Amino acid sequence: MPSFSRSLEQALHRALALANERHHEYATLEHLLLALVDDQDAAAVM
């Protein structure tokens, strides 16, 4: 089973939380993008 980096795991959890906060049934790529924008390392790459 592959292991994710800590920052990726945090971003995935944040994406799920963002979807949940908005009462969305599914977490989508848009939620993940929003979560990654909040991550300093990921935002620097974008």
Protein backbone atom coordinates (compact mmCIF):
# COMPACT_ATOMS: atom_id res chain seq x y z
CA MET A 1 0.00 0.00 0.00
CA PRO A 2 1.47 3.39 -0.94
CA SER A 3 2.17 5.89 1.77
CA PHE A 4 1.47 9.59 1.34
CA SER A 5 3.63 12.40 2.59
CA ARG A 6 2.40 14.12 5.70
CA SER A 7 1.59 17.33 3.81
CA LEU A 8 -0.39 15.46 1.15
CA GLU A 9 -2.33 13.59 3.81
CA GLN A 10 -3.12 16.89 5.54
CA ALA A 11 -4.27 18.42 2.24
CA LEU A 12 -6.55 15.45 1.57
CA HIS A 13 -8.08 15.74 5.04
CA ARG A 14 -8.52 19.48 4.52
CA ALA A 15 -10.22 18.85 1.16
CA LEU A 16 -12.66 16.47 2.86
CA ALA A 17 -13.30 19.04 5.58
CA LEU A 18 -13.94 21.77 2.99
CA ALA A 19 -16.47 19.57 1.21
CA ASN A 20 -18.13 18.71 4.51
CA GLU A 21 -18.31 22.38 5.60
CA ARG A 22 -20.13 23.19 2.37
CA HIS A 23 -22.52 20.24 2.78
CA HIS A 24 -21.25 18.69 -0.45
CA GLU A 25 -21.85 14.99 -0.93
CA TYR A 26 -18.46 14.38 -2.55
CA ALA A 27 -14.98 15.84 -2.21
CA THR A 28 -13.81 16.81 -5.69
CA LEU A 29 -10.63 18.05 -7.30
CA GLU A 30 -11.83 21.59 -6.66
CA HIS A 31 -11.83 20.92 -2.91
CA LEU A 32 -8.33 19.49 -3.17
CA LEU A 33 -7.17 22.55 -5.11
CA LEU A 34 -8.58 24.84 -2.42
CA ALA A 35 -6.78 22.80 0.23
CA LEU A 36 -3.50 22.89 -1.70
CA VAL A 37 -3.69 26.67 -2.13
CA ASP A 38 -3.60 26.92 1.68
CA ASP A 39 -0.45 24.77 1.78
CA GLN A 40 2.63 27.01 1.49
CA ASP A 41 4.80 24.44 -0.30
CA ALA A 42 2.10 23.49 -2.80
CA ALA A 43 1.13 27.12 -3.39
CA ALA A 44 4.76 27.97 -4.15
CA VAL A 45 4.79 25.35 -6.91
CA MET A 46 1.54 26.61 -8.39
